[in-house]
């Protein structure tokens, strides 16, 4: 076969799978809604199982569900009849995946689920199958054409798409957002992209606070000790009202003003720029770049005048946030 024929084969397979997904799109009905509600409201775990290629799809769907806040794992159909059925509890949601719905290895699992009144969601393409008839919620996948007529390709693509759709729909129902996602994806590029200001800021005793009537000679000691290149100025109510940077200090020295005896309130820049502690660190970096500054006051959105931290551009860059 000439190499250019491979491209034709690839297009044929992809076209079959596109057609299968188009058929699936038309098939989605209220059963899908019911399945999403049961998955999202599950107080225990979601267990997925399939045989052969469908078993591999089950593992992938379980991983996707777990990654968006729904505890899930896949069960080996073969091992289930040798003790693993004990891992399924009555509070679980069981999802069985089978194109034909007649696979022998699934029969014991179906019987166990029905006998113990475990909610069973079936993803299957045959209405006259054991799985379809036994399922509490029936997600009917289209009867699609496979590559070469026999190789599980279009059918597994459909199963995978159903799983992805269930995961995203349940995620949206539970309002599982970026901050939730970050908590269970702390490593890798995704974890870095989703770091918040709170993850990289300094807080507590590390914040260089001074009172508005403090003399600059004392403020300079704090600036040098905290090593952040700034001091934050507070009033009697502990509200942040200003900021003094080492750049400002250099400029005042050039003017030959008696800096050391001056009070910080006469030197400070009023109303320092701040950011919510829950904002992405990447947003803080963009704000610093746009304002041409190197530090931001960090506040809790409930009280913007109370500083809970300070973030320096070096903190963000050291965290590999770009």
C-alpha atoms as a PDB file:
ATOM      1  CA  UNK A   1       0.000   0.000   0.000  1.00  0.00           C
ATOM      2  CA  UNK A   2       1.370   3.411  -0.942  1.00  0.00           C
ATOM      3  CA  UNK A   3       1.895   5.812   1.962  1.00  0.00           C
ATOM      4  CA  UNK A   4      -0.677   8.276   0.597  1.00  0.00           C
ATOM      5  CA  UNK A   5      -3.299   5.554   1.014  1.00  0.00           C
ATOM      6  CA  UNK A   6      -2.739   5.726   4.791  1.00  0.00           C
ATOM      7  CA  UNK A   7      -4.054   9.282   4.792  1.00  0.00           C
ATOM      8  CA  UNK A   8      -7.173   8.091   3.028  1.00  0.00           C
ATOM      9  CA  UNK A   9      -7.627   5.374   5.663  1.00  0.00           C
ATOM     10  CA  UNK A  10      -7.214   7.893   8.470  1.00  0.00           C
ATOM     11  CA  UNK A  11      -9.875  10.115   6.960  1.00  0.00           C
ATOM     12  CA  UNK A  12     -12.227   7.165   6.517  1.00  0.00           C
ATOM     13  CA  UNK A  13     -11.911   6.196  10.207  1.00  0.00           C
ATOM     14  CA  UNK A  14     -12.295   9.791  11.378  1.00  0.00           C
ATOM     15  CA  UNK A  15     -15.360  10.281   9.187  1.00  0.00           C
ATOM     16  CA  UNK A  16     -16.934   7.149  10.665  1.00  0.00           C
ATOM     17  CA  UNK A  17     -16.331   8.443  14.169  1.00  0.00           C
ATOM     18  CA  UNK A  18     -17.653  11.919  13.326  1.00  0.00           C
ATOM     19  CA  UNK A  19     -20.800  10.316  11.946  1.00  0.00           C
ATOM     20  CA  UNK A  20     -21.121   8.254  15.141  1.00  0.00           C
ATOM     21  CA  UNK A  21     -20.824  11.368  17.312  1.00  0.00           C
ATOM     22  CA  UNK A  22     -23.437  13.140  15.219  1.00  0.00           C
ATOM     23  CA  UNK A  23     -25.777  10.200  15.801  1.00  0.00           C
ATOM     24  CA  UNK A  24     -25.024  10.330  19.521  1.00  0.00           C
ATOM     25  CA  UNK A  25     -25.838  14.026  19.644  1.00  0.00           C
ATOM     26  CA  UNK A  26     -29.324  13.285  18.302  1.00  0.00           C
ATOM     27  CA  UNK A  27     -29.799  10.470  20.827  1.00  0.00           C
ATOM     28  CA  UNK A  28     -29.171  12.509  23.994  1.00  0.00           C
ATOM     29  CA  UNK A  29     -32.425  12.713  25.976  1.00  0.00           C
ATOM     30  CA  UNK A  30     -33.805  13.001  29.499  1.00  0.00           C
ATOM     31  CA  UNK A  31     -32.012   9.820  30.577  1.00  0.00           C
ATOM     32  CA  UNK A  32     -28.806  11.815  30.369  1.00  0.00           C
ATOM     33  CA  UNK A  33     -30.279  14.438  32.742  1.00  0.00           C
ATOM     34  CA  UNK A  34     -31.255  11.730  35.208  1.00  0.00           C
ATOM     35  CA  UNK A  35     -27.775  10.204  35.085  1.00  0.00           C
ATOM     36  CA  UNK A  36     -26.081  13.554  35.727  1.00  0.00           C
ATOM     37  CA  UNK A  37     -28.280  14.252  38.761  1.00  0.00           C
ATOM     38  CA  UNK A  38     -27.546  10.849  40.272  1.00  0.00           C
ATOM     39  CA  UNK A  39     -23.794  11.199  39.679  1.00  0.00           C
ATOM     40  CA  UNK A  40     -23.675  14.754  41.048  1.00  0.00           C
ATOM     41  CA  UNK A  41     -25.734  13.912  44.128  1.00  0.00           C
ATOM     42  CA  UNK A  42     -23.920  10.661  44.897  1.00  0.00           C
ATOM     43  CA  UNK A  43     -22.754  10.736  48.528  1.00  0.00           C
ATOM     44  CA  UNK A  44     -20.454   7.755  48.102  1.00  0.00           C
ATOM     45  CA  UNK A  45     -18.569   6.840  44.934  1.00  0.00           C
ATOM     46  CA  UNK A  46     -19.223   6.208  41.253  1.00  0.00           C
ATOM     47  CA  UNK A  47     -18.068   2.820  40.012  1.00  0.00           C
ATOM     48  CA  UNK A  48     -17.573   2.116  36.315  1.00  0.00           C
ATOM     49  CA  UNK A  49     -17.107  -1.199  34.621  1.00  0.00           C
ATOM     50  CA  UNK A  50     -16.867  -2.556  31.110  1.00  0.00           C
ATOM     51  CA  UNK A  51     -15.306  -5.471  29.264  1.00  0.00           C
ATOM     52  CA  UNK A  52     -12.401  -5.274  26.825  1.00  0.00           C
ATOM     53  CA  UNK A  53     -12.151  -1.889  25.091  1.00  0.00           C
ATOM     54  CA  UNK A  54     -15.201  -0.696  27.022  1.00  0.00           C
ATOM     55  CA  UNK A  55     -13.306  -1.491  30.218  1.00  0.00           C
ATOM     56  CA  UNK A  56     -10.523   0.847  29.147  1.00  0.00           C
ATOM     57  CA  UNK A  57     -13.105   3.551  28.428  1.00  0.00           C
ATOM     58  CA  UNK A  58     -14.575   2.957  31.903  1.00  0.00           C
ATOM     59  CA  UNK A  59     -11.148   3.599  33.453  1.00  0.00           C
ATOM     60  CA  UNK A  60     -10.757   6.835  31.545  1.00  0.00           C
ATOM     61  CA  UNK A  61     -14.234   8.087  32.521  1.00  0.00           C
ATOM     62  CA  UNK A  62     -13.555   7.226  36.171  1.00  0.00           C
ATOM     63  CA  UNK A  63     -10.327   9.227  36.045  1.00  0.00           C
ATOM     64  CA  UNK A  64     -12.118  12.199  34.486  1.00  0.00           C
ATOM     65  CA  UNK A  65     -14.903  12.137  37.080  1.00  0.00           C
ATOM     66  CA  UNK A  66     -12.384  11.993  39.925  1.00  0.00           C
ATOM     67  CA  UNK A  67     -10.468  14.917  38.445  1.00  0.00           C
ATOM     68  CA  UNK A  68     -13.566  17.139  38.578  1.00  0.00           C
ATOM     69  CA  UNK A  69     -14.631  16.350  42.115  1.00  0.00           C
ATOM     70  CA  UNK A  70     -16.651  13.137  41.820  1.00  0.00           C
ATOM     71  CA  UNK A  71     -14.893  10.193  43.543  1.00  0.00           C
ATOM     72  CA  UNK A  72     -14.861   7.352  41.023  1.00  0.00           C
ATOM     73  CA  UNK A  73     -12.947   4.221  40.124  1.00  0.00           C
ATOM     74  CA  UNK A  74     -13.181   1.444  37.570  1.00  0.00           C
ATOM     75  CA  UNK A  75     -13.873  -2.175  38.445  1.00  0.00           C
ATOM     76  CA  UNK A  76     -12.485  -5.163  36.561  1.00  0.00           C
ATOM     77  CA  UNK A  77     -15.379  -7.162  35.165  1.00  0.00           C
ATOM     78  CA  UNK A  78     -13.378 -10.376  35.421  1.00  0.00           C
ATOM     79  CA  UNK A  79     -12.310  -9.826  39.037  1.00  0.00           C
ATOM     80  CA  UNK A  80     -15.762  -8.738  40.174  1.00  0.00           C
ATOM     81  CA  UNK A  81     -17.004 -12.330  40.196  1.00  0.00           C
ATOM     82  CA  UNK A  82     -14.090 -13.324  42.410  1.00  0.00           C
ATOM     83  CA  UNK A  83     -14.659 -11.008  45.352  1.00  0.00           C
ATOM     84  CA  UNK A  84     -14.518  -7.475  43.965  1.00  0.00           C
ATOM     85  CA  UNK A  85     -18.309  -7.127  44.072  1.00  0.00           C
ATOM     86  CA  UNK A  86     -17.763  -6.453  47.760  1.00  0.00           C
ATOM     87  CA  UNK A  87     -16.331  -3.044  46.863  1.00  0.00           C
ATOM     88  CA  UNK A  88     -19.764  -1.863  45.664  1.00  0.00           C
ATOM     89  CA  UNK A  89     -22.032  -0.434  48.369  1.00  0.00           C
ATOM     90  CA  UNK A  90     -25.729   0.459  48.289  1.00  0.00           C
ATOM     91  CA  UNK A  91     -24.915   4.193  48.288  1.00  0.00           C
ATOM     92  CA  UNK A  92     -22.782   3.920  45.178  1.00  0.00           C
ATOM     93  CA  UNK A  93     -23.743   4.686  41.612  1.00  0.00           C
ATOM     94  CA  UNK A  94     -22.766   1.870  39.243  1.00  0.00           C
ATOM     95  CA  UNK A  95     -22.186   2.594  35.556  1.00  0.00           C
ATOM     96  CA  UNK A  96     -21.839  -0.388  33.234  1.00  0.00           C
ATOM     97  CA  UNK A  97     -20.619   0.142  29.682  1.00  0.00           C
ATOM     98  CA  UNK A  98     -21.199  -2.385  26.915  1.00  0.00           C
ATOM     99  CA  UNK A  99     -21.941  -1.933  23.237  1.00  0.00           C
ATOM    100  CA  UNK A 100     -23.949  -5.133  22.990  1.00  0.00           C
ATOM    101  CA  UNK A 101     -25.196  -5.250  26.588  1.00  0.00           C
ATOM    102  CA  UNK A 102     -24.955  -9.040  26.484  1.00  0.00           C
ATOM    103  CA  UNK A 103     -21.383  -9.582  27.672  1.00  0.00           C
ATOM    104  CA  UNK A 104     -21.228 -12.595  30.004  1.00  0.00           C
ATOM    105  CA  UNK A 105     -18.751 -11.003  32.410  1.00  0.00           C
ATOM    106  CA  UNK A 106     -21.267  -8.258  33.230  1.00  0.00           C
ATOM    107  CA  UNK A 107     -24.165 -10.560  34.092  1.00  0.00           C
ATOM    108  CA  UNK A 108     -23.028 -11.244  37.671  1.00  0.00           C
ATOM    109  CA  UNK A 109     -22.517  -7.521  38.283  1.00  0.00           C
ATOM    110  CA  UNK A 110     -25.983  -6.713  36.912  1.00  0.00           C
ATOM    111  CA  UNK A 111     -27.595  -9.359  39.120  1.00  0.00           C
ATOM    112  CA  UNK A 112     -25.691  -8.121  42.167  1.00  0.00           C
ATOM    113  CA  UNK A 113     -26.755  -4.516  41.538  1.00  0.00           C
ATOM    114  CA  UNK A 114     -30.411  -5.406  41.021  1.00  0.00           C
ATOM    115  CA  UNK A 115     -30.513  -7.739  44.010  1.00  0.00           C
ATOM    116  CA  UNK A 116     -28.983  -5.126  46.340  1.00  0.00           C
ATOM    117  CA  UNK A 117     -30.905  -2.177  44.883  1.00  0.00           C
ATOM    118  CA  UNK A 118     -27.741  -0.386  43.746  1.00  0.00           C
ATOM    119  CA  UNK A 119     -28.477   2.342  41.228  1.00  0.00           C
ATOM    120  CA  UNK A 120     -27.419   1.070  37.817  1.00  0.00           C
ATOM    121  CA  UNK A 121     -26.751   3.310  34.830  1.00  0.00           C
ATOM    122  CA  UNK A 122     -26.316   1.391  31.587  1.00  0.00           C
ATOM    123  CA  UNK A 123     -24.513   2.787  28.555  1.00  0.00           C
ATOM    124  CA  UNK A 124     -25.510   0.397  25.800  1.00  0.00           C
ATOM    125  CA  UNK A 125     -26.609   0.339  22.160  1.00  0.00           C
ATOM    126  CA  UNK A 126     -29.037  -2.630  22.182  1.00  0.00           C
ATOM    127  CA  UNK A 127     -32.557  -2.182  23.589  1.00  0.00           C
ATOM    128  CA  UNK A 128     -33.180  -5.907  23.743  1.00  0.00           C
ATOM    129  CA  UNK A 129     -30.051  -6.561  25.822  1.00  0.00           C
ATOM    130  CA  UNK A 130     -29.800  -7.701  29.420  1.00  0.00           C
ATOM    131  CA  UNK A 131     -28.001  -4.506  30.439  1.00  0.00           C
ATOM    132  CA  UNK A 132     -30.584  -2.188  28.890  1.00  0.00           C
ATOM    133  CA  UNK A 133     -33.499  -4.001  30.505  1.00  0.00           C
ATOM    134  CA  UNK A 134     -31.833  -4.198  33.938  1.00  0.00           C
ATOM    135  CA  UNK A 135     -30.627  -0.578  34.114  1.00  0.00           C
ATOM    136  CA  UNK A 136     -32.394   1.990  36.285  1.00  0.00           C
ATOM    137  CA  UNK A 137     -31.201   4.727  33.944  1.00  0.00           C
ATOM    138  CA  UNK A 138     -30.688   3.739  30.324  1.00  0.00           C
ATOM    139  CA  UNK A 139     -28.317   5.791  28.162  1.00  0.00           C
ATOM    140  CA  UNK A 140     -28.825   4.425  24.679  1.00  0.00           C
ATOM    141  CA  UNK A 141     -25.794   4.885  22.471  1.00  0.00           C
ATOM    142  CA  UNK A 142     -26.368   4.763  18.711  1.00  0.00           C
ATOM    143  CA  UNK A 143     -25.761   1.576  16.752  1.00  0.00           C
ATOM    144  CA  UNK A 144     -22.767   2.770  14.745  1.00  0.00           C
ATOM    145  CA  UNK A 145     -20.530   1.441  12.004  1.00  0.00           C
ATOM    146  CA  UNK A 146     -17.105   0.313  13.193  1.00  0.00           C
ATOM    147  CA  UNK A 147     -13.875   0.607  11.205  1.00  0.00           C
ATOM    148  CA  UNK A 148     -13.549  -2.439   8.950  1.00  0.00           C
ATOM    149  CA  UNK A 149     -16.985  -3.387  10.225  1.00  0.00           C
ATOM    150  CA  UNK A 150     -15.659  -5.198  13.305  1.00  0.00           C
ATOM    151  CA  UNK A 151     -13.005  -3.202  15.192  1.00  0.00           C
ATOM    152  CA  UNK A 152     -14.339  -1.284  18.252  1.00  0.00           C
ATOM    153  CA  UNK A 153     -13.633   2.279  17.133  1.00  0.00           C
ATOM    154  CA  UNK A 154     -16.769   4.319  16.546  1.00  0.00           C
ATOM    155  CA  UNK A 155     -18.543   2.663  19.471  1.00  0.00           C
ATOM    156  CA  UNK A 156     -15.718   3.375  21.941  1.00  0.00           C
ATOM    157  CA  UNK A 157     -15.487   6.965  20.690  1.00  0.00           C
ATOM    158  CA  UNK A 158     -19.192   7.333  21.465  1.00  0.00           C
ATOM    159  CA  UNK A 159     -18.746   5.805  24.933  1.00  0.00           C
ATOM    160  CA  UNK A 160     -15.863   8.147  25.666  1.00  0.00           C
ATOM    161  CA  UNK A 161     -17.899  11.176  24.555  1.00  0.00           C
ATOM    162  CA  UNK A 162     -20.799  10.143  26.804  1.00  0.00           C
ATOM    163  CA  UNK A 163     -18.425   9.858  29.752  1.00  0.00           C
ATOM    164  CA  UNK A 164     -16.887  13.249  29.094  1.00  0.00           C
ATOM    165  CA  UNK A 165     -20.336  14.811  28.804  1.00  0.00           C
ATOM    166  CA  UNK A 166     -21.467  13.225  32.088  1.00  0.00           C
ATOM    167  CA  UNK A 167     -18.341  14.467  33.865  1.00  0.00           C
ATOM    168  CA  UNK A 168     -18.602  18.049  32.622  1.00  0.00           C
ATOM    169  CA  UNK A 169     -22.357  18.256  33.211  1.00  0.00           C
ATOM    170  CA  UNK A 170     -22.030  16.993  36.795  1.00  0.00           C
ATOM    171  CA  UNK A 171     -19.090  19.362  37.334  1.00  0.00           C
ATOM    172  CA  UNK A 172     -21.211  22.329  36.248  1.00  0.00           C
ATOM    173  CA  UNK A 173     -24.150  21.185  38.373  1.00  0.00           C
ATOM    174  CA  UNK A 174     -21.916  21.093  41.456  1.00  0.00           C
ATOM    175  CA  UNK A 175     -20.320  24.428  40.486  1.00  0.00           C
ATOM    176  CA  UNK A 176     -16.901  22.844  40.603  1.00  0.00           C
ATOM    177  CA  UNK A 177     -14.651  25.766  39.616  1.00  0.00           C
ATOM    178  CA  UNK A 178     -11.009  26.625  39.019  1.00  0.00           C
ATOM    179  CA  UNK A 179     -10.119  26.815  42.697  1.00  0.00           C
ATOM    180  CA  UNK A 180     -11.657  23.389  43.318  1.00  0.00           C
ATOM    181  CA  UNK A 181      -9.799  22.035  40.307  1.00  0.00           C
ATOM    182  CA  UNK A 182      -6.501  23.399  41.626  1.00  0.00           C
ATOM    183  CA  UNK A 183      -6.899  21.610  44.963  1.00  0.00           C
ATOM    184  CA  UNK A 184      -6.821  18.205  43.303  1.00  0.00           C
ATOM    185  CA  UNK A 185      -4.322  19.150  40.571  1.00  0.00           C
ATOM    186  CA  UNK A 186      -1.473  20.671  42.616  1.00  0.00           C
ATOM    187  CA  UNK A 187       1.300  19.421  40.323  1.00  0.00           C
ATOM    188  CA  UNK A 188       2.143  19.946  36.696  1.00  0.00           C
ATOM    189  CA  UNK A 189       1.389  22.822  34.364  1.00  0.00           C
ATOM    190  CA  UNK A 190      -2.303  22.955  35.279  1.00  0.00           C
ATOM    191  CA  UNK A 191      -1.494  23.332  38.964  1.00  0.00           C
ATOM    192  CA  UNK A 192       0.939  26.137  38.164  1.00  0.00           C
ATOM    193  CA  UNK A 193      -1.541  27.971  35.948  1.00  0.00           C
ATOM    194  CA  UNK A 194      -4.171  27.811  38.676  1.00  0.00           C
ATOM    195  CA  UNK A 195      -2.045  29.041  41.572  1.00  0.00           C
ATOM    196  CA  UNK A 196      -3.721  31.863  43.440  1.00  0.00           C
ATOM    197  CA  UNK A 197      -2.253  34.951  45.026  1.00  0.00           C
ATOM    198  CA  UNK A 198      -2.782  33.332  48.426  1.00  0.00           C
ATOM    199  CA  UNK A 199      -0.529  30.455  47.353  1.00  0.00           C
ATOM    200  CA  UNK A 200       2.469  32.717  46.735  1.00  0.00           C
ATOM    201  CA  UNK A 201       1.999  35.722  49.060  1.00  0.00           C
ATOM    202  CA  UNK A 202       3.691  36.347  52.419  1.00  0.00           C
ATOM    203  CA  UNK A 203       1.457  36.893  55.427  1.00  0.00           C
ATOM    204  CA  UNK A 204       1.381  37.353  59.202  1.00  0.00           C
ATOM    205  CA  UNK A 205       4.571  38.674  60.776  1.00  0.00           C
ATOM    206  CA  UNK A 206       6.303  38.742  57.388  1.00  0.00           C
ATOM    207  CA  UNK A 207       4.193  41.720  56.236  1.00  0.00           C
ATOM    208  CA  UNK A 208       6.178  44.995  56.695  1.00  0.00           C
ATOM    209  CA  UNK A 209       3.554  47.117  58.481  1.00  0.00           C
ATOM    210  CA  UNK A 210       4.233  50.551  59.976  1.00  0.00           C
ATOM    211  CA  UNK A 211       1.873  53.093  61.544  1.00  0.00           C
ATOM    212  CA  UNK A 212       1.251  56.403  59.786  1.00  0.00           C
ATOM    213  CA  UNK A 213       3.060  58.458  62.458  1.00  0.00           C
ATOM    214  CA  UNK A 214       6.168  56.261  62.436  1.00  0.00           C
ATOM    215  CA  UNK A 215       9.382  58.111  61.599  1.00  0.00           C
ATOM    216  CA  UNK A 216      11.191  57.040  58.470  1.00  0.00           C
ATOM    217  CA  UNK A 217      14.337  56.033  60.374  1.00  0.00           C
ATOM    218  CA  UNK A 218      12.258  53.307  62.083  1.00  0.00           C
ATOM    219  CA  UNK A 219      10.396  52.435  58.892  1.00  0.00           C
ATOM    220  CA  UNK A 220      13.729  51.887  57.120  1.00  0.00           C
ATOM    221  CA  UNK A 221      14.715  49.305  59.735  1.00  0.00           C
ATOM    222  CA  UNK A 222      11.507  47.359  59.047  1.00  0.00           C
ATOM    223  CA  UNK A 223      11.998  47.677  55.295  1.00  0.00           C
ATOM    224  CA  UNK A 224      15.523  46.237  55.596  1.00  0.00           C
ATOM    225  CA  UNK A 225      14.483  43.451  57.984  1.00  0.00           C
ATOM    226  CA  UNK A 226      11.502  42.229  55.935  1.00  0.00           C
ATOM    227  CA  UNK A 227      13.477  42.345  52.669  1.00  0.00           C
ATOM    228  CA  UNK A 228      10.474  43.004  50.406  1.00  0.00           C
ATOM    229  CA  UNK A 229      11.497  46.442  49.214  1.00  0.00           C
ATOM    230  CA  UNK A 230       8.342  48.064  50.630  1.00  0.00           C
ATOM    231  CA  UNK A 231       6.555  48.999  53.835  1.00  0.00           C
ATOM    232  CA  UNK A 232       2.778  49.210  54.168  1.00  0.00           C
ATOM    233  CA  UNK A 233       1.326  52.095  56.153  1.00  0.00           C
ATOM    234  CA  UNK A 234      -1.636  51.582  58.500  1.00  0.00           C
ATOM    235  CA  UNK A 235      -3.843  54.038  60.366  1.00  0.00           C
ATOM    236  CA  UNK A 236      -5.127  53.653  63.929  1.00  0.00           C
ATOM    237  CA  UNK A 237      -7.888  51.324  62.680  1.00  0.00           C
ATOM    238  CA  UNK A 238      -5.282  48.997  61.122  1.00  0.00           C
ATOM    239  CA  UNK A 239      -6.496  49.894  57.652  1.00  0.00           C
ATOM    240  CA  UNK A 240      -3.846  50.035  54.942  1.00  0.00           C
ATOM    241  CA  UNK A 241      -3.691  53.614  53.709  1.00  0.00           C
ATOM    242  CA  UNK A 242      -0.356  53.803  51.928  1.00  0.00           C
ATOM    243  CA  UNK A 243       2.830  52.194  50.696  1.00  0.00           C
ATOM    244  CA  UNK A 244       6.476  53.248  50.601  1.00  0.00           C
ATOM    245  CA  UNK A 245       8.882  51.569  48.187  1.00  0.00           C
ATOM    246  CA  UNK A 246      12.649  51.581  48.155  1.00  0.00           C
ATOM    247  CA  UNK A 247      12.396  53.423  44.825  1.00  0.00           C
ATOM    248  CA  UNK A 248      10.536  56.283  46.505  1.00  0.00           C
ATOM    249  CA  UNK A 249      13.175  56.453  49.214  1.00  0.00           C
ATOM    250  CA  UNK A 250      15.961  56.753  46.648  1.00  0.00           C
ATOM    251  CA  UNK A 251      14.116  59.581  44.916  1.00  0.00           C
ATOM    252  CA  UNK A 252      13.637  61.477  48.211  1.00  0.00           C
ATOM    253  CA  UNK A 253      17.314  61.113  49.027  1.00  0.00           C
ATOM    254  CA  UNK A 254      18.182  62.660  45.674  1.00  0.00           C
ATOM    255  CA  UNK A 255      16.076  65.699  46.642  1.00  0.00           C
ATOM    256  CA  UNK A 256      18.185  66.035  49.810  1.00  0.00           C
ATOM    257  CA  UNK A 257      15.111  66.137  52.028  1.00  0.00           C
ATOM    258  CA  UNK A 258      15.617  65.244  55.714  1.00  0.00           C
ATOM    259  CA  UNK A 259      14.183  61.781  55.206  1.00  0.00           C
ATOM    260  CA  UNK A 260      15.002  60.095  58.507  1.00  0.00           C
ATOM    261  CA  UNK A 261      13.060  62.547  60.674  1.00  0.00           C
ATOM    262  CA  UNK A 262      10.030  62.612  58.336  1.00  0.00           C
ATOM    263  CA  UNK A 263       6.892  60.680  59.187  1.00  0.00           C
ATOM    264  CA  UNK A 264       5.820  57.928  56.811  1.00  0.00           C
ATOM    265  CA  UNK A 265       2.448  59.543  56.108  1.00  0.00           C
ATOM    266  CA  UNK A 266       4.254  62.425  54.410  1.00  0.00           C
ATOM    267  CA  UNK A 267       6.288  60.110  52.192  1.00  0.00           C
ATOM    268  CA  UNK A 268       3.850  57.303  51.352  1.00  0.00           C
ATOM    269  CA  UNK A 269       1.851  56.788  48.192  1.00  0.00           C
ATOM    270  CA  UNK A 270      -1.811  56.772  49.183  1.00  0.00           C
ATOM    271  CA  UNK A 271      -4.287  54.043  48.270  1.00  0.00           C
ATOM    272  CA  UNK A 272      -1.845  51.286  47.260  1.00  0.00           C
ATOM    273  CA  UNK A 273      -2.925  48.898  44.527  1.00  0.00           C
ATOM    274  CA  UNK A 274      -4.322  45.648  45.873  1.00  0.00           C
ATOM    275  CA  UNK A 275      -5.644  42.312  44.692  1.00  0.00           C
ATOM    276  CA  UNK A 276      -7.993  39.651  46.055  1.00  0.00           C
ATOM    277  CA  UNK A 277      -6.214  36.690  47.660  1.00  0.00           C
ATOM    278  CA  UNK A 278      -8.339  34.324  45.545  1.00  0.00           C
ATOM    279  CA  UNK A 279      -7.249  35.889  42.244  1.00  0.00           C
ATOM    280  CA  UNK A 280      -4.955  33.855  40.015  1.00  0.00           C
ATOM    281  CA  UNK A 281      -1.263  34.601  40.496  1.00  0.00           C
ATOM    282  CA  UNK A 282      -1.041  35.125  36.726  1.00  0.00           C
ATOM    283  CA  UNK A 283      -3.561  37.969  37.065  1.00  0.00           C
ATOM    284  CA  UNK A 284      -1.425  39.567  39.780  1.00  0.00           C
ATOM    285  CA  UNK A 285       1.612  39.363  37.502  1.00  0.00           C
ATOM    286  CA  UNK A 286      -0.300  41.013  34.663  1.00  0.00           C
ATOM    287  CA  UNK A 287      -1.470  43.786  37.007  1.00  0.00           C
ATOM    288  CA  UNK A 288       2.073  44.458  38.189  1.00  0.00           C
ATOM    289  CA  UNK A 289       3.335  44.620  34.619  1.00  0.00           C
ATOM    290  CA  UNK A 290       0.578  46.992  33.530  1.00  0.00           C
ATOM    291  CA  UNK A 291       1.105  49.320  36.520  1.00  0.00           C
ATOM    292  CA  UNK A 292       4.904  48.977  36.381  1.00  0.00           C
ATOM    293  CA  UNK A 293       5.141  47.996  40.055  1.00  0.00           C
ATOM    294  CA  UNK A 294       6.708  45.048  41.854  1.00  0.00           C
ATOM    295  CA  UNK A 295       4.392  44.489  44.845  1.00  0.00           C
ATOM    296  CA  UNK A 296       0.681  44.278  45.555  1.00  0.00           C
ATOM    297  CA  UNK A 297      -1.279  44.460  48.789  1.00  0.00           C
ATOM    298  CA  UNK A 298      -3.456  41.384  49.191  1.00  0.00           C
ATOM    299  CA  UNK A 299      -6.929  41.630  50.643  1.00  0.00           C
ATOM    300  CA  UNK A 300      -9.868  39.409  51.406  1.00  0.00           C
ATOM    301  CA  UNK A 301     -12.805  40.393  49.198  1.00  0.00           C
ATOM    302  CA  UNK A 302     -14.933  40.918  52.319  1.00  0.00           C
ATOM    303  CA  UNK A 303     -12.697  43.813  53.448  1.00  0.00           C
ATOM    304  CA  UNK A 304     -10.491  45.535  50.880  1.00  0.00           C
ATOM    305  CA  UNK A 305      -8.937  47.892  53.442  1.00  0.00           C
ATOM    306  CA  UNK A 306      -7.516  45.104  55.598  1.00  0.00           C
ATOM    307  CA  UNK A 307      -4.287  43.691  54.193  1.00  0.00           C
ATOM    308  CA  UNK A 308      -3.883  39.943  54.728  1.00  0.00           C
ATOM    309  CA  UNK A 309      -0.692  39.551  52.711  1.00  0.00           C
ATOM    310  CA  UNK A 310       1.746  41.050  50.280  1.00  0.00           C
ATOM    311  CA  UNK A 311       2.876  39.526  47.000  1.00  0.00           C
ATOM    312  CA  UNK A 312       6.126  40.480  45.284  1.00  0.00           C
ATOM    313  CA  UNK A 313       6.828  39.833  41.622  1.00  0.00           C
ATOM    314  CA  UNK A 314       9.696  37.533  42.657  1.00  0.00           C
ATOM    315  CA  UNK A 315       7.249  35.299  44.572  1.00  0.00           C
ATOM    316  CA  UNK A 316       5.245  34.774  41.391  1.00  0.00           C
ATOM    317  CA  UNK A 317       8.206  34.215  39.093  1.00  0.00           C
ATOM    318  CA  UNK A 318       9.759  31.740  41.541  1.00  0.00           C
ATOM    319  CA  UNK A 319       6.516  29.749  41.342  1.00  0.00           C
ATOM    320  CA  UNK A 320       6.981  29.456  37.554  1.00  0.00           C
ATOM    321  CA  UNK A 321       3.822  31.444  36.897  1.00  0.00           C
ATOM    322  CA  UNK A 322       4.079  33.359  33.624  1.00  0.00           C
END
